[in-house]
Amino acid sequence: MMKIIKIKDDHIKLGQALKLAGLVESGVDAKMDIQEGLVKVNGEVELQRGKKIFDGDVIEYDGQQIMIKSKD
């Protein structure tokens, strides 16, 4: 089942999205897991914690999927 995360701006950084979704406890955890290649964005491994995530993007981490939606 895919979880939907709503954001107020047009984008969010990958590390922040993982924290907002409750998938990691801290920015340090997010950074480590992203750098280890454990996170995918739209099906591709993403190694940049600061990667901008936009409306409709799907993040995969630890067997879970989250979709980002902008609050319009």
PDB file of N, CA and C in Angstrom:
ATOM      1  N   MET A   1       0.838  -1.191   0.000  1.00  0.00           N
ATOM      2  CA  MET A   1       0.000   0.000   0.000  1.00  0.00           C
ATOM      3  C   MET A   1       0.879   1.249   0.000  1.00  0.00           C
ATOM      4  N   MET A   2       0.522   2.198  -0.825  1.00  0.00           N
ATOM      5  CA  MET A   2       1.313   3.413  -0.943  1.00  0.00           C
ATOM      6  C   MET A   2       0.780   4.478   0.013  1.00  0.00           C
ATOM      7  N   LYS A   3       1.697   5.109   0.725  1.00  0.00           N
ATOM      8  CA  LYS A   3       1.353   6.197   1.635  1.00  0.00           C
ATOM      9  C   LYS A   3       1.465   7.518   0.874  1.00  0.00           C
ATOM     10  N   ILE A   4       0.537   8.437   1.115  1.00  0.00           N
ATOM     11  CA  ILE A   4       0.550   9.751   0.476  1.00  0.00           C
ATOM     12  C   ILE A   4       1.017  10.785   1.494  1.00  0.00           C
ATOM     13  N   ILE A   5       2.007  11.590   1.105  1.00  0.00           N
ATOM     14  CA  ILE A   5       2.510  12.674   1.954  1.00  0.00           C
ATOM     15  C   ILE A   5       2.191  13.987   1.256  1.00  0.00           C
ATOM     16  N   LYS A   6       1.505  14.875   1.966  1.00  0.00           N
ATOM     17  CA  LYS A   6       1.161  16.177   1.384  1.00  0.00           C
ATOM     18  C   LYS A   6       2.163  17.223   1.853  1.00  0.00           C
ATOM     19  N   ILE A   7       2.617  18.037   0.895  1.00  0.00           N
ATOM     20  CA  ILE A   7       3.566  19.106   1.201  1.00  0.00           C
ATOM     21  C   ILE A   7       2.945  20.442   0.809  1.00  0.00           C
ATOM     22  N   LYS A   8       3.374  21.503   1.503  1.00  0.00           N
ATOM     23  CA  LYS A   8       2.778  22.818   1.236  1.00  0.00           C
ATOM     24  C   LYS A   8       3.461  23.557   0.095  1.00  0.00           C
ATOM     25  N   ASP A   9       4.708  23.233  -0.190  1.00  0.00           N
ATOM     26  CA  ASP A   9       5.450  23.892  -1.263  1.00  0.00           C
ATOM     27  C   ASP A   9       5.421  23.042  -2.528  1.00  0.00           C
ATOM     28  N   ASP A  10       6.097  23.510  -3.571  1.00  0.00           N
ATOM     29  CA  ASP A  10       6.098  22.749  -4.820  1.00  0.00           C
ATOM     30  C   ASP A  10       7.097  21.596  -4.808  1.00  0.00           C
ATOM     31  N   HIS A  11       7.998  21.577  -3.816  1.00  0.00           N
ATOM     32  CA  HIS A  11       8.952  20.468  -3.696  1.00  0.00           C
ATOM     33  C   HIS A  11       9.405  20.317  -2.243  1.00  0.00           C
ATOM     34  N   ILE A  12      10.041  19.184  -1.977  1.00  0.00           N
ATOM     35  CA  ILE A  12      10.635  18.900  -0.675  1.00  0.00           C
ATOM     36  C   ILE A  12      11.925  18.136  -0.955  1.00  0.00           C
ATOM     37  N   LYS A  13      12.897  18.275  -0.088  1.00  0.00           N
ATOM     38  CA  LYS A  13      14.145  17.526  -0.273  1.00  0.00           C
ATOM     39  C   LYS A  13      13.935  16.085   0.192  1.00  0.00           C
ATOM     40  N   LEU A  14      14.663  15.186  -0.439  1.00  0.00           N
ATOM     41  CA  LEU A  14      14.493  13.757  -0.187  1.00  0.00           C
ATOM     42  C   LEU A  14      14.640  13.406   1.291  1.00  0.00           C
ATOM     43  N   GLY A  15      15.692  13.894   1.937  1.00  0.00           N
ATOM     44  CA  GLY A  15      15.892  13.591   3.354  1.00  0.00           C
ATOM     45  C   GLY A  15      14.733  14.078   4.208  1.00  0.00           C
ATOM     46  N   GLN A  16      14.209  15.253   3.892  1.00  0.00           N
ATOM     47  CA  GLN A  16      13.076  15.804   4.635  1.00  0.00           C
ATOM     48  C   GLN A  16      11.822  14.963   4.415  1.00  0.00           C
ATOM     49  N   ALA A  17      11.641  14.481   3.199  1.00  0.00           N
ATOM     50  CA  ALA A  17      10.475  13.651   2.898  1.00  0.00           C
ATOM     51  C   ALA A  17      10.506  12.347   3.687  1.00  0.00           C
ATOM     52  N   LEU A  18      11.695  11.747   3.803  1.00  0.00           N
ATOM     53  CA  LEU A  18      11.811  10.512   4.581  1.00  0.00           C
ATOM     54  C   LEU A  18      11.474  10.751   6.052  1.00  0.00           C
ATOM     55  N   LYS A  19      11.915  11.890   6.574  1.00  0.00           N
ATOM     56  CA  LYS A  19      11.601  12.236   7.971  1.00  0.00           C
ATOM     57  C   LYS A  19      10.110  12.517   8.131  1.00  0.00           C
ATOM     58  N   LEU A  20       9.535  13.287   7.220  1.00  0.00           N
ATOM     59  CA  LEU A  20       8.119  13.631   7.280  1.00  0.00           C
ATOM     60  C   LEU A  20       7.232  12.386   7.238  1.00  0.00           C
ATOM     61  N   ALA A  21       7.638  11.410   6.457  1.00  0.00           N
ATOM     62  CA  ALA A  21       6.879  10.163   6.328  1.00  0.00           C
ATOM     63  C   ALA A  21       7.087   9.237   7.520  1.00  0.00           C
ATOM     64  N   GLY A  22       8.019   9.593   8.401  1.00  0.00           N
ATOM     65  CA  GLY A  22       8.282   8.762   9.568  1.00  0.00           C
ATOM     66  C   GLY A  22       9.104   7.526   9.260  1.00  0.00           C
ATOM     67  N   LEU A  23       9.806   7.534   8.134  1.00  0.00           N
ATOM     68  CA  LEU A  23      10.602   6.364   7.739  1.00  0.00           C
ATOM     69  C   LEU A  23      11.995   6.374   8.355  1.00  0.00           C
ATOM     70  N   VAL A  24      12.469   7.548   8.747  1.00  0.00           N
ATOM     71  CA  VAL A  24      13.745   7.671   9.455  1.00  0.00           C
ATOM     72  C   VAL A  24      13.533   8.613  10.636  1.00  0.00           C
ATOM     73  N   GLU A  25      14.387   8.496  11.644  1.00  0.00           N
ATOM     74  CA  GLU A  25      14.230   9.325  12.837  1.00  0.00           C
ATOM     75  C   GLU A  25      14.942  10.662  12.745  1.00  0.00           C
ATOM     76  N   SER A  26      16.008  10.719  11.939  1.00  0.00           N
ATOM     77  CA  SER A  26      16.775  11.960  11.883  1.00  0.00           C
ATOM     78  C   SER A  26      17.351  12.179  10.489  1.00  0.00           C
ATOM     79  N   GLY A  27      17.840  13.398  10.290  1.00  0.00           N
ATOM     80  CA  GLY A  27      18.497  13.714   9.030  1.00  0.00           C
ATOM     81  C   GLY A  27      19.754  12.894   8.818  1.00  0.00           C
ATOM     82  N   VAL A  28      20.435  12.570   9.908  1.00  0.00           N
ATOM     83  CA  VAL A  28      21.646  11.745   9.823  1.00  0.00           C
ATOM     84  C   VAL A  28      21.290  10.353   9.322  1.00  0.00           C
ATOM     85  N   ASP A  29      20.209   9.777   9.857  1.00  0.00           N
ATOM     86  CA  ASP A  29      19.760   8.456   9.393  1.00  0.00           C
ATOM     87  C   ASP A  29      19.413   8.499   7.911  1.00  0.00           C
ATOM     88  N   ALA A  30      18.704   9.552   7.504  1.00  0.00           N
ATOM     89  CA  ALA A  30      18.325   9.699   6.098  1.00  0.00           C
ATOM     90  C   ALA A  30      19.569   9.780   5.222  1.00  0.00           C
ATOM     91  N   LYS A  31      20.516  10.609   5.632  1.00  0.00           N
ATOM     92  CA  LYS A  31      21.742  10.788   4.856  1.00  0.00           C
ATOM     93  C   LYS A  31      22.479   9.467   4.667  1.00  0.00           C
ATOM     94  N   MET A  32      22.632   8.717   5.739  1.00  0.00           N
ATOM     95  CA  MET A  32      23.360   7.444   5.679  1.00  0.00           C
ATOM     96  C   MET A  32      22.662   6.452   4.745  1.00  0.00           C
ATOM     97  N   ASP A  33      21.352   6.315   4.896  1.00  0.00           N
ATOM     98  CA  ASP A  33      20.616   5.345   4.088  1.00  0.00           C
ATOM     99  C   ASP A  33      20.590   5.745   2.609  1.00  0.00           C
ATOM    100  N   ILE A  34      20.475   7.043   2.349  1.00  0.00           N
ATOM    101  CA  ILE A  34      20.490   7.518   0.966  1.00  0.00           C
ATOM    102  C   ILE A  34      21.856   7.256   0.339  1.00  0.00           C
ATOM    103  N   GLN A  35      22.930   7.589   1.053  1.00  0.00           N
ATOM    104  CA  GLN A  35      24.282   7.392   0.533  1.00  0.00           C
ATOM    105  C   GLN A  35      24.620   5.919   0.335  1.00  0.00           C
ATOM    106  N   GLU A  36      23.967   5.029   1.091  1.00  0.00           N
ATOM    107  CA  GLU A  36      24.194   3.596   0.943  1.00  0.00           C
ATOM    108  C   GLU A  36      23.377   3.000  -0.202  1.00  0.00           C
ATOM    109  N   GLY A  37      22.580   3.837  -0.885  1.00  0.00           N
ATOM    110  CA  GLY A  37      21.812   3.360  -2.029  1.00  0.00           C
ATOM    111  C   GLY A  37      20.540   2.623  -1.661  1.00  0.00           C
ATOM    112  N   LEU A  38      20.005   2.891  -0.476  1.00  0.00           N
ATOM    113  CA  LEU A  38      18.824   2.180  -0.004  1.00  0.00           C
ATOM    114  C   LEU A  38      17.504   2.866  -0.381  1.00  0.00           C
ATOM    115  N   VAL A  39      17.586   4.016  -1.039  1.00  0.00           N
ATOM    116  CA  VAL A  39      16.387   4.796  -1.361  1.00  0.00           C
ATOM    117  C   VAL A  39      16.260   4.955  -2.873  1.00  0.00           C
ATOM    118  N   LYS A  40      15.051   4.738  -3.378  1.00  0.00           N
ATOM    119  CA  LYS A  40      14.769   4.946  -4.798  1.00  0.00           C
ATOM    120  C   LYS A  40      13.758   6.066  -4.948  1.00  0.00           C
ATOM    121  N   VAL A  41      13.923   6.837  -6.009  1.00  0.00           N
ATOM    122  CA  VAL A  41      12.952   7.860  -6.397  1.00  0.00           C
ATOM    123  C   VAL A  41      12.501   7.530  -7.813  1.00  0.00           C
ATOM    124  N   ASN A  42      11.211   7.319  -7.958  1.00  0.00           N
ATOM    125  CA  ASN A  42      10.639   6.948  -9.266  1.00  0.00           C
ATOM    126  C   ASN A  42      11.364   5.752  -9.883  1.00  0.00           C
ATOM    127  N   GLY A  43      11.704   4.770  -9.034  1.00  0.00           N
ATOM    128  CA  GLY A  43      12.298   3.523  -9.498  1.00  0.00           C
ATOM    129  C   GLY A  43      13.804   3.536  -9.686  1.00  0.00           C
ATOM    130  N   GLU A  44      14.437   4.689  -9.478  1.00  0.00           N
ATOM    131  CA  GLU A  44      15.889   4.806  -9.653  1.00  0.00           C
ATOM    132  C   GLU A  44      16.565   5.073  -8.308  1.00  0.00           C
ATOM    133  N   VAL A  45      17.681   4.409  -8.048  1.00  0.00           N
ATOM    134  CA  VAL A  45      18.434   4.660  -6.818  1.00  0.00           C
ATOM    135  C   VAL A  45      18.886   6.115  -6.809  1.00  0.00           C
ATOM    136  N   GLU A  46      18.647   6.788  -5.689  1.00  0.00           N
ATOM    137  CA  GLU A  46      19.028   8.197  -5.546  1.00  0.00           C
ATOM    138  C   GLU A  46      20.049   8.327  -4.421  1.00  0.00           C
ATOM    139  N   LEU A  47      21.175   8.974  -4.712  1.00  0.00           N
ATOM    140  CA  LEU A  47      22.255   9.098  -3.732  1.00  0.00           C
ATOM    141  C   LEU A  47      22.400  10.507  -3.164  1.00  0.00           C
ATOM    142  N   GLN A  48      21.532  11.433  -3.571  1.00  0.00           N
ATOM    143  CA  GLN A  48      21.619  12.816  -3.098  1.00  0.00           C
ATOM    144  C   GLN A  48      20.512  13.109  -2.087  1.00  0.00           C
ATOM    145  N   ARG A  49      20.895  13.403  -0.863  1.00  0.00           N
ATOM    146  CA  ARG A  49      19.928  13.705   0.194  1.00  0.00           C
ATOM    147  C   ARG A  49      19.119  14.957  -0.139  1.00  0.00           C
ATOM    148  N   GLY A  50      19.744  15.912  -0.829  1.00  0.00           N
ATOM    149  CA  GLY A  50      19.090  17.161  -1.168  1.00  0.00           C
ATOM    150  C   GLY A  50      18.285  17.127  -2.460  1.00  0.00           C
ATOM    151  N   LYS A  51      18.136  15.954  -3.061  1.00  0.00           N
ATOM    152  CA  LYS A  51      17.363  15.816  -4.300  1.00  0.00           C
ATOM    153  C   LYS A  51      15.970  16.394  -4.095  1.00  0.00           C
ATOM    154  N   LYS A  52      15.544  17.263  -5.004  1.00  0.00           N
ATOM    155  CA  LYS A  52      14.214  17.860  -4.906  1.00  0.00           C
ATOM    156  C   LYS A  52      13.170  16.856  -5.372  1.00  0.00           C
ATOM    157  N   ILE A  53      12.168  16.667  -4.533  1.00  0.00           N
ATOM    158  CA  ILE A  53      11.078  15.743  -4.809  1.00  0.00           C
ATOM    159  C   ILE A  53       9.828  16.575  -5.072  1.00  0.00           C
ATOM    160  N   PHE A  54       9.150  16.290  -6.187  1.00  0.00           N
ATOM    161  CA  PHE A  54       7.998  17.085  -6.616  1.00  0.00           C
ATOM    162  C   PHE A  54       6.705  16.280  -6.567  1.00  0.00           C
ATOM    163  N   ASP A  55       5.599  16.981  -6.752  1.00  0.00           N
ATOM    164  CA  ASP A  55       4.276  16.376  -6.788  1.00  0.00           C
ATOM    165  C   ASP A  55       4.257  15.173  -7.735  1.00  0.00           C
ATOM    166  N   GLY A  56       3.789  14.049  -7.234  1.00  0.00           N
ATOM    167  CA  GLY A  56       3.679  12.838  -8.046  1.00  0.00           C
ATOM    168  C   GLY A  56       4.879  11.917  -7.979  1.00  0.00           C
ATOM    169  N   ASP A  57       6.001  12.391  -7.411  1.00  0.00           N
ATOM    170  CA  ASP A  57       7.175  11.524  -7.282  1.00  0.00           C
ATOM    171  C   ASP A  57       6.904  10.437  -6.240  1.00  0.00           C
ATOM    172  N   VAL A  58       7.481   9.261  -6.481  1.00  0.00           N
ATOM    173  CA  VAL A  58       7.320   8.122  -5.577  1.00  0.00           C
ATOM    174  C   VAL A  58       8.677   7.751  -4.997  1.00  0.00           C
ATOM    175  N   ILE A  59       8.723   7.663  -3.677  1.00  0.00           N
ATOM    176  CA  ILE A  59       9.941   7.278  -2.958  1.00  0.00           C
ATOM    177  C   ILE A  59       9.749   5.860  -2.441  1.00  0.00           C
ATOM    178  N   GLU A  60      10.766   5.022  -2.642  1.00  0.00           N
ATOM    179  CA  GLU A  60      10.742   3.658  -2.122  1.00  0.00           C
ATOM    180  C   GLU A  60      11.873   3.502  -1.108  1.00  0.00           C
ATOM    181  N   TYR A  61      11.517   2.981   0.064  1.00  0.00           N
ATOM    182  CA  TYR A  61      12.509   2.794   1.117  1.00  0.00           C
ATOM    183  C   TYR A  61      12.033   1.708   2.068  1.00  0.00           C
ATOM    184  N   ASP A  62      12.894   0.771   2.366  1.00  0.00           N
ATOM    185  CA  ASP A  62      12.617  -0.268   3.360  1.00  0.00           C
ATOM    186  C   ASP A  62      11.284  -0.977   3.094  1.00  0.00           C
ATOM    187  N   GLY A  63      11.025  -1.293   1.827  1.00  0.00           N
ATOM    188  CA  GLY A  63       9.802  -2.019   1.466  1.00  0.00           C
ATOM    189  C   GLY A  63       8.550  -1.167   1.450  1.00  0.00           C
ATOM    190  N   GLN A  64       8.681   0.118   1.653  1.00  0.00           N
ATOM    191  CA  GLN A  64       7.514   0.999   1.664  1.00  0.00           C
ATOM    192  C   GLN A  64       7.599   2.004   0.521  1.00  0.00           C
ATOM    193  N   GLN A  65       6.442   2.440   0.068  1.00  0.00           N
ATOM    194  CA  GLN A  65       6.370   3.454  -0.977  1.00  0.00           C
ATOM    195  C   GLN A  65       5.577   4.647  -0.463  1.00  0.00           C
ATOM    196  N   ILE A  66       6.086   5.837  -0.770  1.00  0.00           N
ATOM    197  CA  ILE A  66       5.342   7.041  -0.450  1.00  0.00           C
ATOM    198  C   ILE A  66       5.261   7.914  -1.692  1.00  0.00           C
ATOM    199  N   MET A  67       4.105   8.530  -1.893  1.00  0.00           N
ATOM    200  CA  MET A  67       3.928   9.456  -3.011  1.00  0.00           C
ATOM    201  C   MET A  67       3.788  10.864  -2.443  1.00  0.00           C
ATOM    202  N   ILE A  68       4.444  11.789  -3.099  1.00  0.00           N
ATOM    203  CA  ILE A  68       4.410  13.193  -2.677  1.00  0.00           C
ATOM    204  C   ILE A  68       3.288  13.904  -3.439  1.00  0.00           C
ATOM    205  N   LYS A  69       2.476  14.635  -2.696  1.00  0.00           N
ATOM    206  CA  LYS A  69       1.403  15.429  -3.298  1.00  0.00           C
ATOM    207  C   LYS A  69       1.485  16.841  -2.751  1.00  0.00           C
ATOM    208  N   SER A  70       1.380  17.814  -3.644  1.00  0.00           N
ATOM    209  CA  SER A  70       1.357  19.226  -3.237  1.00  0.00           C
ATOM    210  C   SER A  70      -0.049  19.584  -2.806  1.00  0.00           C
ATOM    211  N   LYS A  71      -0.143  20.378  -1.744  1.00  0.00           N
ATOM    212  CA  LYS A  71      -1.450  20.883  -1.306  1.00  0.00           C
ATOM    213  C   LYS A  71      -1.800  22.073  -2.179  1.00  0.00           C
ATOM    214  N   ASP A  72      -2.689  21.883  -3.113  1.00  0.00           N
ATOM    215  CA  ASP A  72      -3.078  22.979  -4.007  1.00  0.00           C
ATOM    216  C   ASP A  72      -4.406  23.560  -3.598  1.00  0.00           C
TER     217      ASP A  72
END
